Protein backbone atom coordinates (compact mmCIF):
# COMPACT_ATOMS: atom_id res chain seq x y z
CA MET A 1 -11.14 -5.66 17.46
CA SER A 2 -7.06 -6.45 18.25
CA ARG A 3 -4.89 -7.81 15.83
CA PRO A 4 -5.13 -12.25 15.84
CA PHE A 5 -1.32 -12.60 16.86
CA TRP A 6 0.03 -14.05 13.43
CA VAL A 7 -0.33 -10.86 11.58
CA ASN A 8 2.46 -9.93 14.41
CA LYS A 9 4.78 -13.21 13.78
CA LEU A 10 4.59 -12.16 10.22
CA LEU A 11 5.63 -8.13 10.83
CA THR A 12 8.54 -9.58 12.97
CA VAL A 13 9.52 -12.09 9.77
CA THR A 14 8.77 -9.76 7.14
CA PHE A 15 10.27 -6.47 9.78
CA SER A 16 14.08 -6.85 8.03
CA GLN A 17 12.23 -5.78 4.27
CA SER A 18 10.79 -2.54 6.11
CA TRP A 19 13.94 -0.48 4.40
CA MET A 20 11.74 -1.47 0.94
CA ILE A 21 8.56 0.62 2.43
CA ALA A 22 10.90 3.16 3.61
CA ARG A 23 12.20 3.81 -0.06
CA MET A 24 8.54 4.27 -1.30
CA THR A 25 8.29 7.22 0.70
CA ARG A 26 9.80 9.10 -1.59
CA TRP A 27 8.28 7.85 -4.75
CA PRO A 28 5.15 10.44 -5.62
CA VAL A 29 1.76 9.30 -4.79
CA ILE A 30 3.20 6.57 -3.30
CA GLY A 31 4.71 8.26 -0.59
CA LYS A 32 1.74 10.50 0.49
CA MET A 33 -0.72 7.50 0.85
CA ILE A 34 1.55 5.71 3.16
CA ASP A 35 2.19 9.06 4.96
CA HIS A 36 -1.75 9.37 5.23
CA TRP A 37 -2.20 5.99 6.26
CA LEU A 38 0.58 5.14 8.44
CA PHE A 39 1.95 8.74 9.47
CA GLU A 40 -0.68 11.19 9.89
CA GLY A 41 -0.40 13.35 12.87
CA ASP A 42 2.67 11.77 14.07
CA ASP A 43 4.73 14.43 16.63
CA MET A 44 7.56 11.51 18.23
CA ILE A 45 10.52 13.48 20.40
CA LEU A 46 13.23 11.23 20.79
CA LEU A 47 15.02 11.29 23.92
CA PRO A 48 18.81 11.98 25.01
CA ARG A 49 20.52 8.89 26.72
CA GLU A 50 21.35 10.82 30.09
CA LYS A 51 24.69 9.44 30.82
CA VAL A 52 25.74 12.16 28.04
CA ILE A 53 24.18 14.97 29.57
CA PRO A 54 26.92 17.71 31.52
CA VAL A 55 25.86 18.46 34.95
CA ASN A 56 25.87 22.76 34.66
CA GLN A 57 23.55 25.17 35.36
CA SER A 58 21.43 24.75 32.24
CA VAL A 59 19.79 22.23 32.97
CA ILE A 60 19.32 22.32 36.33
CA SER A 61 15.69 23.89 37.83
CA PRO A 62 15.92 24.88 41.22
CA GLY A 63 16.09 21.69 43.95
CA GLN A 64 16.94 19.39 41.25
CA MET A 65 18.63 18.30 38.22
CA CYS A 66 15.71 17.44 35.29
CA LEU A 67 16.85 14.55 33.43
CA PRO A 68 14.90 13.50 29.62
CA SER A 69 13.35 10.63 31.16
CA SER A 70 11.08 12.72 33.71
CA VAL A 71 9.40 12.77 29.94
CA VAL A 72 7.97 9.48 29.77
CA GLU A 73 8.01 9.19 34.14
CA HIS A 74 5.35 11.99 33.68
CA PHE A 75 2.75 10.74 31.03
CA ILE A 76 3.29 7.17 32.92
CA ASN A 77 2.03 8.77 36.08
CA GLN A 78 -0.90 10.48 34.28
CA ALA A 79 -1.83 7.31 32.72
CA GLN A 80 -4.86 5.51 33.58
CA PHE A 81 -3.88 2.10 31.66
CA HIS A 82 -0.22 0.62 30.95
CA TRP A 83 0.53 -1.58 28.79
CA VAL A 84 3.68 -3.49 28.10
CA MET A 85 5.02 -5.47 24.65
CA ASN A 86 6.75 -8.58 25.55
CA GLU A 87 9.41 -8.24 22.83
CA CYS A 88 10.72 -5.40 20.91
CA ILE A 89 9.20 -6.10 16.76
CA CYS A 90 11.79 -4.65 15.47
CA ARG A 91 15.14 -6.52 17.26
CA ALA A 92 12.75 -9.28 17.23
CA GLY A 93 12.29 -9.09 13.33
CA MET A 94 16.22 -8.26 12.63
CA HIS A 95 17.88 -11.24 15.30
CA CYS A 96 19.41 -8.36 17.74
CA LYS A 97 22.65 -9.49 19.07
CA ASP A 98 23.68 -6.23 20.54
CA TYR A 99 20.45 -5.24 23.19
CA PRO A 100 17.37 -7.32 24.51
CA ILE A 101 14.76 -8.45 22.48
CA ASP A 102 12.12 -8.45 25.51
CA LEU A 103 12.10 -4.87 26.05
CA GLY A 104 9.57 -3.71 23.97
CA CYS A 105 7.52 -0.96 24.28
CA ILE A 106 5.07 0.85 26.13
CA PHE A 107 1.80 2.28 25.45
CA LEU A 108 -0.23 4.19 27.63
CA GLY A 109 -4.09 5.49 27.14
CA LYS A 110 -7.02 3.92 27.02
CA ALA A 111 -6.92 2.39 23.23
CA ALA A 112 -3.72 0.16 24.90
CA MET A 113 -6.17 -2.27 26.40
CA GLN A 114 -7.54 -3.22 22.96
CA ILE A 115 -3.87 -4.53 21.99
CA ASN A 116 -4.39 -8.63 21.47
CA PRO A 117 -2.92 -9.86 24.99
CA LYS A 118 -1.01 -12.70 22.87
CA VAL A 119 1.50 -9.49 22.10
CA GLY A 120 1.98 -7.82 25.87
CA ARG A 121 0.14 -7.56 28.91
CA GLN A 122 -1.75 -4.89 30.99
CA VAL A 123 0.90 -3.33 33.87
CA SER A 124 0.66 -1.62 37.00
CA LYS A 125 2.44 2.27 36.71
CA ALA A 126 5.10 0.79 39.15
CA GLU A 127 5.83 -1.97 36.62
CA ALA A 128 5.63 0.43 33.57
CA LEU A 129 8.22 2.61 35.12
CA ALA A 130 10.28 -0.03 35.92
CA HIS A 131 10.30 -1.05 32.69
CA ALA A 132 11.29 2.31 31.57
CA GLN A 133 14.45 2.32 33.79
CA LYS A 134 15.06 -1.31 32.61
CA CYS A 135 15.68 -0.18 29.15
CA ARG A 136 17.68 2.73 29.89
CA ASP A 137 20.14 0.45 32.44
CA ALA A 138 20.13 -1.65 28.58
CA GLY A 139 21.59 1.29 26.67
CA LEU A 140 18.19 1.74 24.90
CA VAL A 141 16.96 5.14 24.07
CA HIS A 142 13.50 6.34 24.25
CA LEU A 143 11.50 7.39 21.76
CA ILE A 144 7.51 9.03 23.22
CA GLY A 145 4.87 10.74 21.34
CA LYS A 146 1.91 9.73 18.47
CA ASN A 147 2.92 7.38 16.19
CA LYS A 148 -0.13 6.16 13.65
CA LEU A 149 2.04 3.01 12.47
CA ASP A 150 1.40 1.31 16.06
CA GLU A 151 -2.27 2.43 15.61
CA VAL A 152 -2.49 0.68 12.48
CA TRP A 153 -0.24 -2.43 12.98
CA LEU A 154 -2.38 -2.95 16.82
CA ASN A 155 -5.57 -1.99 14.84
CA VAL A 156 -6.23 -0.10 18.28
CA HIS A 157 -8.53 3.19 18.58
CA PRO A 158 -8.39 5.97 18.73
CA GLY A 159 -4.46 6.84 17.54
CA ASN A 160 -5.45 9.82 20.24
CA GLN A 161 -5.42 8.22 23.14
CA LEU A 162 -2.22 5.77 22.29
CA LEU A 163 0.71 7.01 23.45
CA THR A 164 4.02 5.14 22.49
CA ILE A 165 6.93 5.05 24.09
CA CYS A 166 9.24 3.28 21.88
CA ASN A 167 12.79 1.67 23.48
CA CYS A 168 15.36 2.01 20.52
CA CYS A 169 18.69 1.11 19.50
CA GLU A 170 20.84 2.18 17.01
CA CYS A 171 21.19 -1.18 15.29
CA CYS A 172 17.68 -2.69 14.40
CA CYS A 173 15.08 0.19 15.05
CA ILE A 174 12.66 1.08 12.34
CA TRP A 175 13.81 4.65 12.61
CA ASN A 176 17.22 3.34 11.44
CA ASN A 177 15.39 4.21 7.86
CA MET A 178 15.80 7.09 8.32
CA SER A 179 17.89 8.07 5.85
CA VAL A 180 15.79 6.94 3.48
CA LEU A 181 12.44 8.00 4.51
CA ALA A 182 10.86 10.53 3.06
CA GLU A 183 11.04 14.37 4.81
CA ASP A 184 8.15 14.96 5.16
CA ILE A 185 7.50 12.08 7.08
CA THR A 186 11.17 12.04 9.24
CA ARG A 187 10.28 15.57 10.39
CA LYS A 188 7.86 14.12 12.23
CA VAL A 189 10.61 12.73 14.31
CA THR A 190 12.63 15.34 16.57
CA LYS A 191 15.27 16.14 18.88
CA MET A 192 14.50 17.65 22.20
CA PRO A 193 14.18 21.52 22.34
CA GLY A 194 17.26 22.64 22.64
CA VAL A 195 19.54 19.46 22.27
CA GLU A 196 22.88 20.70 20.79
CA VAL A 197 25.31 18.19 19.24
CA ARG A 198 28.56 19.61 18.11
CA VAL A 199 31.91 17.82 16.97
CA ASN A 200 34.49 20.13 19.02
CA ASP A 201 38.46 20.62 18.06
CA ASN A 202 39.37 17.15 19.80
CA CYS A 203 38.15 15.17 16.74
CA THR A 204 41.22 13.32 15.24
CA GLY A 205 39.62 11.40 12.26
CA CYS A 206 38.97 8.21 14.28
CA GLY A 207 35.71 7.57 12.39
CA LEU A 208 34.72 5.63 14.97
CA CYS A 209 31.35 7.59 15.80
CA ALA A 210 30.25 7.70 11.92
CA ASP A 211 30.82 3.76 12.13
CA GLU A 212 27.46 2.76 12.37
CA VAL A 213 26.71 4.89 15.67
CA CYS A 214 23.85 7.32 14.22
CA PHE A 215 20.31 5.77 13.66
CA ALA A 216 19.85 8.79 11.65
CA ASP A 217 22.77 8.94 9.45
CA ALA A 218 23.32 12.47 10.65
CA ILE A 219 27.26 11.80 10.98
CA LYS A 220 29.95 11.89 8.10
CA MET A 221 33.48 12.24 7.47
CA LYS A 222 35.21 15.19 5.75
CA ASP A 223 38.47 16.68 5.45
CA GLY A 224 39.53 14.37 8.22
CA LYS A 225 36.61 15.57 10.43
CA ALA A 226 33.52 14.23 12.04
CA ILE A 227 30.50 16.50 10.72
CA ILE A 228 27.27 16.63 12.44
CA SER A 229 24.56 17.42 10.31
CA ASP A 230 20.61 18.72 10.75
CA ALA A 231 19.17 15.16 10.92
CA CYS A 232 20.88 14.60 13.93
CA ARG A 233 18.12 13.47 16.36
CA GLY A 234 20.10 14.24 19.79
CA CYS A 235 20.20 10.57 21.22
CA GLY A 236 23.86 11.48 22.57
CA ARG A 237 25.12 7.97 21.23
CA CYS A 238 27.74 9.59 19.55
CA VAL A 239 29.14 11.03 22.48
CA SER A 240 29.50 8.14 24.53
CA THR A 241 31.21 6.48 21.74
CA CYS A 242 33.80 8.96 21.55
CA ASP A 243 37.27 7.87 23.07
CA GLN A 244 38.77 11.54 22.53
CA ALA A 245 35.82 13.55 23.85
CA ALA A 246 35.71 15.42 21.16
CA ILE A 247 31.48 15.42 20.91
CA ASP A 248 29.65 18.03 23.21
CA PHE A 249 26.28 17.57 23.88
CA THR A 250 24.67 20.44 25.40
CA ILE A 251 20.59 21.33 26.44
CA SER A 252 20.60 25.04 26.35
CA ASN A 253 16.66 25.35 26.78
CA ASN A 254 15.60 25.32 30.31
CA GLN A 255 12.00 24.42 29.40
CA PHE A 256 13.17 21.79 27.70
CA LEU A 257 11.10 19.52 30.37
CA GLU A 258 8.22 21.25 30.08
CA GLN A 259 7.61 22.04 26.31
CA SER A 260 8.57 18.30 25.47
CA ILE A 261 5.63 17.79 27.96
CA GLU A 262 3.13 20.39 26.23
CA ARG A 263 3.92 19.01 22.52
CA ILE A 264 3.18 15.63 23.30
CA ALA A 265 -0.20 15.83 25.46
CA LYS A 266 -1.53 18.02 22.38
CA VAL A 267 -2.00 15.15 20.25
CA VAL A 268 -2.01 11.96 22.89
CA ASP A 269 -4.52 11.88 25.76
CA VAL A 270 -3.29 9.11 28.45
CA LYS A 271 -5.79 9.42 31.05
């Protein structure tokens, strides 16, 4: 049975306090319990913004340009069941002013049909593809994979038949708590294979890229220069923000598309 509609409303109202639970994941015993309950078996890949990807030989396959959105489109095309949420619970809970609240998650797979119809709707393959494109046009970043948290709060089963496609902003996403979550949980959210983000010699130390741009809190200022740590998940927002062209974004793995699809397909069956 799907969760009652009031549960969704309660989560929205209390969402701004999610950082408290995030901090608790660092407590011994309690952290392991939260990990088991909400994140066990998760594998999520953050897809970079396509506007920051350089058109060069490292990301070109024969005859066409392979873009990260191809991962999303692959699973939408493979899936028999498509579901779009009426709103993003993260942005609704945080009263987001910068991105549309009505661009909710996309769920794929048989388990998605158990979601309460008051919080979303079943859509066609074409409608799911159009929704994903609308999210990218709005500047949102896809996070795709198996997310047990969605299985739990939506009360749908089995979890390996529910694929989550989040459409994330840097200001309100639940993964904005990345810097306070336990490492055992944060390592389940990764960047695409081969993605590298580096600061080059053009950096003037203005600090713009470190000003609430990175949801993983991976950018710090040191000795008048920006430093990007291993916490970077490769979304590429910092590249778009920098007006000095001081951040380079590259994809060195020509198999990034195939490897991303293979990884996700191992943990979720959308057919």
